[in-house]
C-alpha cells in the first residue's frame, strides 16, 4: 500500500506520541529503591561514567524500570561521544533502519525523529544517516527522556569498597568532590582502559608534526599542506578525505599490508541469534572468532574509500609500513621500505590499545579485575597479547574479581564499553545491539538492588495496609438446613 505523503508532523507531535506510548505501557515505573546513606553521605543507586550513546541507553533502560542514574561526562554539553568531535565520516556505517538505543519504543527511534521533521519521502530518499544528524538525535533523546547528565566532570579515581559501595572522585571546573554509588557503569567508549595506539616512530617527534585520529584536529590548518595518513582503516579513510576536502596539497596513505582486506565480516554478526547467543558461547569459540577478526582486519567502507579516491592528489601506498619519522627544520621525513616522503603533518590512524596502566583513575580497580589471560589459555596458533588483556566479564557486563581479596563492589562495576566485546559480543558502541545490551545491564542492576534490599522490601510487604476486602462485601450464611438447596432428607435414610 503506498505511503501517505502527509507533511511532517514535527517534533512536538512526536514527543506527545512518545509520552502516550509510555503511558500505555505504564512506564517509567515509579521509584522503588530505598534512599541509602554511608558515612552521612547519600549513595546513588547508579552512576554512569560517560554520556555518549551507550551511557544514555543504559540510563534510559534503568529509568524505565524505576531506577535513577546520574551520568557524568567530561565533555561540554551536547558534545558527548565522538560524533561532533573526533569522528570524520560523512555518514554512519550502519544501515539507516537499525533502531539503535530506542529500547523497543517506536517513537524513540531515529526514523521517527527524522520523519517527524522531514517526512516519509525524505526518509525513503535517505541512504545512510548523516553523522551530525545522529548527534542531533542523541541530543533530543537525552532531552525528551529527561536524563540527568552532568557535563564537564572528569573522573579522577574509582575505588570499590568491601561494603559494596564504590567511591568516585570527580573534578568539575577545577574543584573535586566525591560521589558514592551502589552500581557504576563505565560507558567510556573506544579508548576505555587505554588510549590511542601510538607507534614508536613518533616517540621523539614533536607533537606539532603529528596527531592521532582519536584527538580533535583542526583540519582547516592543513590547507596547502602535505599530509601522510598512517593506516588503512575506516578512520584512515575519513582522515584522508577530510584533509583533502580541507585543501591539503597532497595526501600519502601509508598502509602496511600489500592490499586492503575485501570484507567487513563484523557485518555477519548483526542478527538476533548473535546478540542473544554470543555470551553463552564457550570461551574457545569467542576467542577463535575475535582472533580471526583481528588477524584478517576489516575492510574500510566502500563509500569512505570512494570519498578519498575521487581526488587526484592522493596516493594509496601499500606494503609501506613507517619505519622512522625524522623531524627536519620545517617538515618531517617519513621513511618506508619503498622510499622516503617529506610531509608537513602525519595523521596516525592506528587504532586504540588496551593498557590498564594508561589511566590513573582506575589504579584502584585494575589489580582486582579478572582478565582473559587469567581464565583462558588459547591454542599456540591463536596467542594474542591484547586479547589476553581484555576483561573477563559476567554475562551482565560486570567485572569478575581476580582473587578472593578483591573488594565486594567489583561485581557492581560494569564494563559497558569496547573492551567488553570479547566476553559479550559486538554490542557496545555499535548501533545494532545497543538496546539489548543496555537492557541486559539494567535488568541485572534492578535485580541486584532488590536482592540487596530484600529486608527493606520484606518489611514493606509486611507493612502493606491497603485492604483488599473491607468485610462488607458478603453476608455470612446461616445453618445449612435453613438455606441449602441440597438438604438431606433424614426420613429416607431412616
Protein backbone atom coordinates (compact mmCIF):
# COMPACT_ATOMS: atom_id res chain seq x y z
CA UNK A 1 0.00 0.00 0.00
CA UNK A 2 1.54 3.39 -0.92
CA UNK A 3 2.56 5.52 2.00
CA UNK A 4 0.99 8.81 2.88
CA UNK A 5 2.56 11.98 1.53
CA UNK A 6 1.32 13.97 4.53
CA UNK A 7 3.63 16.75 5.71
CA UNK A 8 5.99 16.13 8.64
CA UNK A 9 4.22 16.18 11.98
CA UNK A 10 7.02 17.98 13.83
CA UNK A 11 8.89 17.06 16.98
CA UNK A 12 6.24 18.30 19.46
CA UNK A 13 3.76 15.83 17.98
CA UNK A 14 6.32 13.01 18.13
CA UNK A 15 7.12 13.83 21.74
CA UNK A 16 3.42 13.74 22.62
CA UNK A 17 3.16 10.37 20.91
CA UNK A 18 6.16 9.06 22.84
CA UNK A 19 4.60 10.15 26.11
CA UNK A 20 1.37 8.40 25.11
CA UNK A 21 3.31 5.22 24.28
CA UNK A 22 4.98 5.31 27.69
CA UNK A 23 1.67 5.93 29.42
CA UNK A 24 0.06 2.97 27.63
CA UNK A 25 2.98 0.79 28.75
CA UNK A 26 2.79 2.18 32.31
CA UNK A 27 6.37 3.43 32.01
CA UNK A 28 8.53 4.54 33.60
CA UNK A 29 7.97 2.66 36.82
CA UNK A 30 7.86 4.73 39.99
CA UNK A 31 10.88 4.84 42.25
CA UNK A 32 11.00 1.72 44.43
CA UNK A 33 14.54 1.67 45.85
CA UNK A 34 15.24 2.98 49.36
CA UNK A 35 17.42 6.00 49.88
CA UNK A 36 20.77 4.85 51.23
CA UNK A 37 23.48 6.71 53.14
CA UNK A 38 27.02 5.85 54.14
CA UNK A 39 29.08 7.99 56.49
CA UNK A 40 26.39 10.67 56.38
CA UNK A 41 26.60 10.96 52.59
CA UNK A 42 23.87 9.89 50.16
CA UNK A 43 24.64 6.88 47.98
CA UNK A 44 23.44 6.95 44.38
CA UNK A 45 21.77 3.80 43.10
CA UNK A 46 23.65 4.02 39.79
CA UNK A 47 26.33 6.29 38.42
CA UNK A 48 27.18 6.13 34.73
CA UNK A 49 30.55 7.45 33.58
CA UNK A 50 30.11 8.61 30.01
CA UNK A 51 27.02 10.13 28.38
CA UNK A 52 27.51 9.05 24.80
CA UNK A 53 25.12 6.65 23.08
CA UNK A 54 25.93 3.72 25.40
CA UNK A 55 25.65 5.75 28.60
CA UNK A 56 22.35 7.34 27.55
CA UNK A 57 20.89 3.98 26.55
CA UNK A 58 21.67 2.25 29.85
CA UNK A 59 20.45 5.24 31.89
CA UNK A 60 17.21 5.26 29.90
CA UNK A 61 16.74 1.50 30.35
CA UNK A 62 17.20 1.92 34.10
CA UNK A 63 14.83 4.87 34.23
CA UNK A 64 12.06 2.85 32.58
CA UNK A 65 12.41 0.32 35.41
CA UNK A 66 12.19 2.93 38.14
CA UNK A 67 15.91 3.29 38.91
CA UNK A 68 17.50 6.71 38.62
CA UNK A 69 21.00 7.00 37.17
CA UNK A 70 23.23 10.07 37.19
CA UNK A 71 25.57 10.39 34.21
CA UNK A 72 28.91 12.17 34.36
CA UNK A 73 30.78 13.15 31.19
CA UNK A 74 33.97 15.11 30.69
CA UNK A 75 32.67 16.76 27.51
CA UNK A 76 30.78 20.01 27.26
CA UNK A 77 27.01 19.68 26.95
CA UNK A 78 25.86 18.31 23.58
CA UNK A 79 29.36 17.17 22.62
CA UNK A 80 29.39 13.80 24.35
CA UNK A 81 30.80 10.90 22.36
CA UNK A 82 32.77 11.12 19.10
CA UNK A 83 30.08 12.24 16.68
CA UNK A 84 30.63 16.01 16.76
CA UNK A 85 34.27 15.98 17.88
CA UNK A 86 36.70 13.38 16.51
CA UNK A 87 34.52 11.40 14.09
CA UNK A 88 35.04 12.47 10.46
CA UNK A 89 32.84 10.15 8.42
CA UNK A 90 30.11 11.78 6.38
CA UNK A 91 27.50 9.23 7.42
CA UNK A 92 27.18 6.38 9.88
CA UNK A 93 28.35 2.98 8.66
CA UNK A 94 25.20 1.21 9.87
CA UNK A 95 22.05 0.84 7.74
CA UNK A 96 19.50 3.54 8.48
CA UNK A 97 16.74 1.13 9.54
CA UNK A 98 18.54 -0.12 12.67
CA UNK A 99 16.72 1.07 15.76
CA UNK A 100 19.75 1.87 17.93
CA UNK A 101 19.06 2.93 21.54
CA UNK A 102 15.27 3.09 21.15
CA UNK A 103 14.70 0.31 23.75
CA UNK A 104 11.78 -1.15 21.81
CA UNK A 105 9.88 2.17 21.65
CA UNK A 106 8.99 3.05 18.03
CA UNK A 107 8.58 6.75 18.86
CA UNK A 108 12.13 6.84 20.22
CA UNK A 109 13.84 5.67 17.02
CA UNK A 110 15.96 7.82 14.74
CA UNK A 111 13.48 7.13 11.97
CA UNK A 112 10.60 8.56 14.00
CA UNK A 113 12.72 11.61 14.86
CA UNK A 114 13.73 12.09 11.22
CA UNK A 115 10.30 11.62 9.69
CA UNK A 116 8.72 13.96 12.22
CA UNK A 117 10.92 16.74 10.87
CA UNK A 118 11.42 15.90 7.21
CA UNK A 119 8.65 13.50 6.23
CA UNK A 120 8.37 9.96 4.87
CA UNK A 121 9.55 10.84 1.35
CA UNK A 122 12.78 12.28 2.75
CA UNK A 123 13.29 9.10 4.79
CA UNK A 124 12.79 6.92 1.73
CA UNK A 125 15.32 9.02 -0.18
CA UNK A 126 17.90 8.89 2.63
CA UNK A 127 20.80 6.49 2.02
CA UNK A 128 22.67 6.50 5.34
CA UNK A 129 22.31 8.64 8.45
CA UNK A 130 24.45 11.81 8.37
CA UNK A 131 26.85 11.78 11.31
CA UNK A 132 25.89 15.17 12.72
CA UNK A 133 22.19 14.37 12.43
CA UNK A 134 22.83 11.31 14.57
CA UNK A 135 24.38 13.61 17.18
CA UNK A 136 21.30 15.86 17.00
CA UNK A 137 19.11 12.79 17.53
CA UNK A 138 21.09 11.78 20.64
CA UNK A 139 20.74 15.31 22.00
CA UNK A 140 16.98 15.03 21.53
CA UNK A 141 17.00 11.55 23.11
CA UNK A 142 18.63 12.94 26.23
CA UNK A 143 16.23 15.87 26.41
CA UNK A 144 12.98 14.06 25.74
CA UNK A 145 13.76 11.36 28.33
CA UNK A 146 14.93 13.96 30.87
CA UNK A 147 18.14 12.07 31.63
CA UNK A 148 20.36 13.66 34.27
CA UNK A 149 23.75 14.37 32.68
CA UNK A 150 26.38 16.36 34.50
CA UNK A 151 28.87 17.66 31.96
CA UNK A 152 32.50 18.76 32.32
CA UNK A 153 33.15 16.18 35.04
CA UNK A 154 36.44 14.33 34.82
CA UNK A 155 36.80 11.06 36.70
CA UNK A 156 39.86 11.25 38.95
CA UNK A 157 39.57 7.96 40.82
CA UNK A 158 37.27 4.99 41.30
CA UNK A 159 37.67 2.94 44.48
CA UNK A 160 35.48 -0.16 45.07
CA UNK A 161 34.94 -0.98 48.76
CA UNK A 162 34.17 -4.11 50.74
CA UNK A 163 30.74 -2.80 51.74
CA UNK A 164 29.60 -2.93 48.11
CA UNK A 165 29.86 0.82 47.60
CA UNK A 166 32.21 2.47 45.11
CA UNK A 167 33.75 5.88 45.83
CA UNK A 168 34.20 8.12 42.81
CA UNK A 169 36.25 11.30 42.87
CA UNK A 170 35.37 13.75 40.12
CA UNK A 171 36.71 17.12 39.08
CA UNK A 172 34.40 19.84 37.80
CA UNK A 173 35.97 23.07 36.65
CA UNK A 174 38.95 22.62 38.93
CA UNK A 175 37.05 21.57 42.04
CA UNK A 176 37.00 17.97 43.28
CA UNK A 177 34.17 16.17 45.01
CA UNK A 178 33.28 12.59 45.85
CA UNK A 179 30.21 10.57 44.90
CA UNK A 180 29.19 7.24 46.43
CA UNK A 181 27.44 4.69 44.24
CA UNK A 182 25.99 1.22 44.68
CA UNK A 183 26.49 0.42 41.00
CA UNK A 184 28.83 2.06 38.47
CA UNK A 185 28.51 1.66 34.71
CA UNK A 186 31.63 2.59 32.74
CA UNK A 187 30.42 3.74 29.32
CA UNK A 188 33.83 5.02 28.27
CA UNK A 189 33.90 4.43 24.52
CA UNK A 190 36.71 3.14 22.32
CA UNK A 191 39.59 4.38 24.45
CA UNK A 192 38.40 2.70 27.64
CA UNK A 193 41.22 1.42 29.88
CA UNK A 194 43.90 2.60 27.50
CA UNK A 195 44.11 5.11 24.72
CA UNK A 196 45.40 5.57 21.20
CA UNK A 197 47.85 3.01 19.90
CA UNK A 198 50.93 5.10 19.16
CA UNK A 199 53.80 3.57 17.18
CA UNK A 200 57.32 4.02 18.50
CA UNK A 201 58.27 6.07 15.42
CA UNK A 202 56.59 9.19 16.88
CA UNK A 203 58.13 8.89 20.32
CA UNK A 204 60.77 11.58 19.67
CA UNK A 205 58.85 13.60 17.10
CA UNK A 206 57.50 17.00 18.26
CA UNK A 207 53.72 16.91 18.67
CA UNK A 208 53.21 19.73 16.19
CA UNK A 209 54.15 17.37 13.36
CA UNK A 210 51.67 14.59 14.10
CA UNK A 211 48.26 13.76 15.52
CA UNK A 212 46.13 10.71 16.17
CA UNK A 213 42.58 10.25 14.89
CA UNK A 214 41.40 9.84 18.50
CA UNK A 215 42.02 13.54 19.17
CA UNK A 216 40.35 16.61 17.66
CA UNK A 217 42.31 18.16 14.80
CA UNK A 218 41.87 21.48 13.04
CA UNK A 219 41.79 20.13 9.51
CA UNK A 220 41.42 23.64 8.10
CA UNK A 221 45.03 24.23 9.18
CA UNK A 222 46.10 21.54 6.71
CA UNK A 223 45.15 23.65 3.69
CA UNK A 224 48.08 23.68 1.29
CA UNK A 225 49.99 21.16 3.45
CA UNK A 226 51.48 17.78 2.54
CA UNK A 227 49.88 15.10 4.70
CA UNK A 228 50.70 11.46 5.39
CA UNK A 229 47.98 9.21 6.83
CA UNK A 230 49.31 6.06 8.51
CA UNK A 231 46.87 3.14 8.31
CA UNK A 232 44.25 1.61 6.04
CA UNK A 233 41.22 1.54 8.32
CA UNK A 234 37.90 3.38 8.17
CA UNK A 235 39.34 6.16 10.31
CA UNK A 236 42.31 6.43 7.91
CA UNK A 237 39.91 6.97 5.00
CA UNK A 238 37.97 9.55 7.00
CA UNK A 239 41.15 11.44 7.94
CA UNK A 240 42.49 11.38 4.41
CA UNK A 241 39.19 12.55 2.91
CA UNK A 242 38.77 15.34 5.43
CA UNK A 243 42.33 16.51 4.80
CA UNK A 244 41.73 16.57 1.04
CA UNK A 245 38.42 18.38 1.42
CA UNK A 246 40.13 20.94 3.67
CA UNK A 247 42.59 21.71 0.85
CA UNK A 248 45.67 19.61 1.63
CA UNK A 249 48.05 19.84 -1.32
CA UNK A 250 48.56 16.08 -1.39
CA UNK A 251 47.90 13.09 0.84
CA UNK A 252 50.01 9.94 1.03
CA UNK A 253 48.23 6.98 2.64
CA UNK A 254 50.79 4.57 4.09
CA UNK A 255 49.44 1.04 4.53
CA UNK A 256 51.44 -1.89 5.97
CA UNK A 257 49.55 -4.58 4.12
CA UNK A 258 50.04 -5.43 0.44
CA UNK A 259 46.33 -4.81 -0.18
CA UNK A 260 43.08 -3.89 1.52
CA UNK A 261 41.07 -6.72 3.06
CA UNK A 262 37.94 -7.10 0.98
CA UNK A 263 35.35 -7.88 3.66
CA UNK A 264 33.88 -6.44 6.82
CA UNK A 265 32.99 -9.72 8.48
CA UNK A 266 31.62 -7.96 11.57
CA UNK A 267 28.51 -7.31 9.45
CA UNK A 268 27.89 -11.03 9.74
CA UNK A 269 27.19 -10.70 13.46
CA UNK A 270 24.20 -8.39 13.03
CA UNK A 271 21.46 -10.89 13.72
CA UNK A 272 19.30 -11.70 16.75
CA UNK A 273 20.97 -15.08 17.24
CA UNK A 274 24.37 -13.49 17.71
CA UNK A 275 23.06 -10.88 20.11
CA UNK A 276 21.15 -13.44 22.14
CA UNK A 277 23.63 -16.30 21.99
CA UNK A 278 27.16 -14.91 21.92
CA UNK A 279 27.57 -14.57 25.68
CA UNK A 280 26.71 -18.26 26.09
CA UNK A 281 29.34 -19.46 23.62
CA UNK A 282 32.25 -21.47 25.03
CA UNK A 283 35.34 -19.36 25.61
CA UNK A 284 37.22 -21.16 22.84
CA UNK A 285 34.63 -20.08 20.28
CA UNK A 286 34.65 -16.45 21.46
CA UNK A 287 38.44 -16.34 21.27
CA UNK A 288 38.53 -18.01 17.86
CA UNK A 289 36.08 -15.51 16.39
CA UNK A 290 37.79 -12.41 17.82
CA UNK A 291 41.24 -13.70 16.89
CA UNK A 292 40.10 -14.30 13.32
CA UNK A 293 38.58 -10.81 13.00
CA UNK A 294 41.70 -9.15 14.40
CA UNK A 295 44.03 -11.17 12.21
CA UNK A 296 42.15 -10.53 8.98
CA UNK A 297 41.20 -6.96 9.90
CA UNK A 298 38.25 -5.11 8.43
CA UNK A 299 37.93 -3.53 5.01
CA UNK A 300 37.38 0.23 5.07
CA UNK A 301 33.85 1.15 3.99
CA UNK A 302 33.12 1.31 0.27
CA UNK A 303 31.77 4.85 0.41
CA UNK A 304 34.56 6.14 2.63
CA UNK A 305 37.20 4.79 0.25
CA UNK A 306 35.49 6.33 -2.77
CA UNK A 307 35.32 9.61 -0.88
CA UNK A 308 39.12 9.56 -0.88
CA UNK A 309 39.85 8.17 -4.34
CA UNK A 310 37.73 10.74 -6.14
CA UNK A 311 40.57 13.20 -5.51
CA UNK A 312 43.54 13.19 -7.88
CA UNK A 313 46.09 14.33 -5.29
CA UNK A 314 46.03 11.22 -3.07
CA UNK A 315 48.12 8.07 -3.26
CA UNK A 316 47.42 4.63 -1.74
CA UNK A 317 50.82 3.21 -0.79
CA UNK A 318 50.62 -0.50 0.05
CA UNK A 319 53.44 -2.51 1.66
CA UNK A 320 54.58 0.79 3.17
CA UNK A 321 54.96 0.48 6.94
CA UNK A 322 56.52 3.54 8.55
CA UNK A 323 59.97 2.63 9.87
CA UNK A 324 61.05 6.07 11.02
CA UNK A 325 59.91 9.70 11.14
CA UNK A 326 62.73 12.21 11.15
CA UNK A 327 61.98 15.85 12.03
CA UNK A 328 63.67 18.48 9.89
CA UNK A 329 63.69 22.25 10.07
CA UNK A 330 60.20 22.81 8.65
CA UNK A 331 58.78 19.34 7.98
CA UNK A 332 59.34 15.65 8.66
CA UNK A 333 60.79 12.87 6.55
CA UNK A 334 58.79 9.65 6.70
CA UNK A 335 60.83 6.53 5.95
CA UNK A 336 59.22 3.43 4.43
CA UNK A 337 60.70 0.33 2.71
CA UNK A 338 59.52 1.77 -0.62
CA UNK A 339 61.17 5.14 -0.12
CA UNK A 340 61.05 8.37 1.86
CA UNK A 341 58.32 11.03 1.81
CA UNK A 342 58.59 14.62 3.01
CA UNK A 343 55.37 15.87 4.62
CA UNK A 344 54.18 18.69 6.84
CA UNK A 345 51.89 16.61 9.06
CA UNK A 346 51.39 12.94 9.88
CA UNK A 347 47.96 11.63 10.94
CA UNK A 348 48.07 8.29 12.76
CA UNK A 349 45.01 6.14 12.11
CA UNK A 350 46.48 3.33 14.20
CA UNK A 351 43.53 2.49 16.41
CA UNK A 352 43.41 2.00 20.17
CA UNK A 353 45.35 -0.07 22.66
CA UNK A 354 44.16 -1.65 25.89
CA UNK A 355 46.67 -0.54 28.51
CA UNK A 356 45.48 -0.87 32.09
CA UNK A 357 48.24 1.43 33.37
CA UNK A 358 47.40 4.26 30.98
CA UNK A 359 44.56 5.78 33.01
CA UNK A 360 45.40 6.52 36.66
CA UNK A 361 41.70 6.94 37.52
CA UNK A 362 41.37 3.15 37.55
CA UNK A 363 44.50 2.29 39.51
CA UNK A 364 42.44 1.01 42.48
CA UNK A 365 40.23 -1.10 40.21
CA UNK A 366 42.73 -2.66 37.83
CA UNK A 367 44.57 -5.06 40.20
CA UNK A 368 41.29 -6.77 41.11
CA UNK A 369 39.91 -7.37 37.59
CA UNK A 370 39.98 -10.86 36.14
CA UNK A 371 41.21 -10.90 32.55
CA UNK A 372 41.01 -13.37 29.72
CA UNK A 373 44.66 -14.24 30.27
CA UNK A 374 43.69 -15.38 33.78
CA UNK A 375 40.76 -17.51 32.63
CA UNK A 376 41.62 -18.99 29.23
CA UNK A 377 44.63 -20.48 27.50
CA UNK A 378 44.29 -20.28 23.70
CA UNK A 379 45.93 -22.71 21.26
CA UNK A 380 49.53 -21.85 20.27
CA UNK A 381 48.44 -20.52 16.86
CA UNK A 382 45.88 -18.14 18.45
CA UNK A 383 48.04 -16.36 21.01
CA UNK A 384 47.26 -12.64 21.18
CA UNK A 385 48.61 -10.28 23.83
CA UNK A 386 45.87 -7.68 23.52
CA UNK A 387 43.01 -10.18 23.66
CA UNK A 388 44.54 -11.71 26.78
CA UNK A 389 44.35 -8.30 28.47
CA UNK A 390 40.60 -7.91 27.88
CA UNK A 391 38.41 -8.11 30.99
CA UNK A 392 36.73 -11.46 31.57
CA UNK A 393 33.18 -10.33 32.28
CA UNK A 394 29.96 -11.81 33.59
CA UNK A 395 27.00 -12.01 31.21
CA UNK A 396 25.66 -8.76 32.69
CA UNK A 397 28.91 -6.91 31.79
CA UNK A 398 30.07 -6.75 35.42
CA UNK A 399 33.71 -7.36 36.27
CA UNK A 400 34.77 -10.61 37.87
CA UNK A 401 37.14 -10.47 40.85
CA UNK A 402 40.67 -11.65 40.17
CA UNK A 403 41.07 -13.10 43.66
CA UNK A 404 39.21 -13.65 46.92
CA UNK A 405 40.83 -10.48 48.26
CA UNK A 406 39.02 -8.25 45.74
CA UNK A 407 36.56 -5.77 47.31
CA UNK A 408 32.91 -6.81 47.05
CA UNK A 409 31.98 -3.77 44.96
CA UNK A 410 33.97 -5.12 42.00
CA UNK A 411 30.89 -7.10 40.97
CA UNK A 412 28.85 -3.89 40.95
CA UNK A 413 31.08 -2.18 38.38
CA UNK A 414 30.16 -2.76 34.73
CA UNK A 415 32.34 -2.58 31.63
CA UNK A 416 29.80 -1.14 29.22
CA UNK A 417 32.35 -0.13 26.62
CA UNK A 418 34.56 -1.51 23.85
CA UNK A 419 36.69 -3.96 25.88
CA UNK A 420 33.50 -5.92 26.66
CA UNK A 421 33.26 -7.24 23.10
CA UNK A 422 35.36 -10.38 23.68
CA UNK A 423 33.20 -11.51 26.62
CA UNK A 424 29.78 -10.31 25.46
CA UNK A 425 29.92 -9.62 21.73
CA UNK A 426 29.91 -6.64 19.39
CA UNK A 427 27.05 -4.80 21.04
CA UNK A 428 28.71 -1.86 22.79
CA UNK A 429 29.27 1.37 20.89
CA UNK A 430 27.61 -0.19 17.86
CA UNK A 431 24.09 0.69 16.82
CA UNK A 432 22.64 -2.78 16.12
CA UNK A 433 22.81 -4.27 19.63
CA UNK A 434 22.96 -1.29 21.96
CA UNK A 435 19.34 -1.51 23.19
CA UNK A 436 19.57 -5.17 24.09
CA UNK A 437 22.91 -4.66 25.83
CA UNK A 438 21.57 -1.68 27.79
CA UNK A 439 18.52 -3.67 28.88
CA UNK A 440 20.75 -6.57 29.95
CA UNK A 441 22.74 -4.30 32.26
CA UNK A 442 19.63 -2.51 33.54
CA UNK A 443 17.80 -5.74 34.35
CA UNK A 444 20.85 -7.09 36.19
CA UNK A 445 21.20 -3.93 38.28
CA UNK A 446 17.48 -3.86 39.07
CA UNK A 447 17.62 -7.48 40.26
CA UNK A 448 20.72 -6.92 42.39
CA UNK A 449 19.23 -3.83 44.01
CA UNK A 450 16.14 -5.78 45.00
CA UNK A 451 18.14 -8.69 46.43
CA UNK A 452 20.45 -6.38 48.36
CA UNK A 453 17.47 -4.51 49.81
CA UNK A 454 15.40 -7.64 50.49
CA UNK A 455 14.90 -6.80 54.16
CA UNK A 456 13.58 -3.33 53.28
CA UNK A 457 11.22 -4.79 50.70
CA UNK A 458 10.09 -7.57 53.05
CA UNK A 459 9.25 -5.01 55.71
CA UNK A 460 7.38 -3.03 53.10
CA UNK A 461 5.34 -6.07 52.10
CA UNK A 462 4.53 -6.88 55.73
CA UNK A 463 3.58 -3.26 56.42
CA UNK A 464 1.27 -3.06 53.40
CA UNK A 465 -2.07 -1.98 54.80
CA UNK A 466 -4.33 -1.11 51.89
CA UNK A 467 -7.13 -3.65 52.47
CA UNK A 468 -8.40 -5.64 49.54
CA UNK A 469 -11.60 -6.55 51.44
CA UNK A 470 -13.43 -4.33 53.94
CA UNK A 471 -15.70 -7.07 55.38
CA UNK A 472 -18.98 -5.77 53.97
CA UNK A 473 -18.68 -7.43 50.60
CA UNK A 474 -20.69 -10.55 51.66
CA UNK A 475 -23.28 -11.87 54.17
CA UNK A 476 -22.35 -14.99 56.18
CA UNK A 477 -24.63 -17.95 55.63
CA UNK A 478 -26.78 -19.49 58.40
CA UNK A 479 -27.03 -23.23 59.18
CA UNK A 480 -27.23 -25.49 56.14
CA UNK A 481 -30.78 -26.61 56.90
CA UNK A 482 -32.03 -23.07 56.57
CA UNK A 483 -30.76 -22.38 53.10
CA UNK A 484 -29.13 -25.24 51.31
CA UNK A 485 -30.71 -26.49 48.10
CA UNK A 486 -29.08 -29.84 48.85
CA UNK A 487 -30.96 -30.52 52.09
CA UNK A 488 -30.63 -34.04 53.41
CA UNK A 489 -33.92 -35.97 53.70
CA UNK A 490 -33.43 -37.78 57.01
CA UNK A 491 -36.70 -39.73 56.59
CA UNK A 492 -35.30 -41.55 53.57
CA UNK A 493 -32.13 -42.50 55.40
CA UNK A 494 -34.28 -43.95 58.24
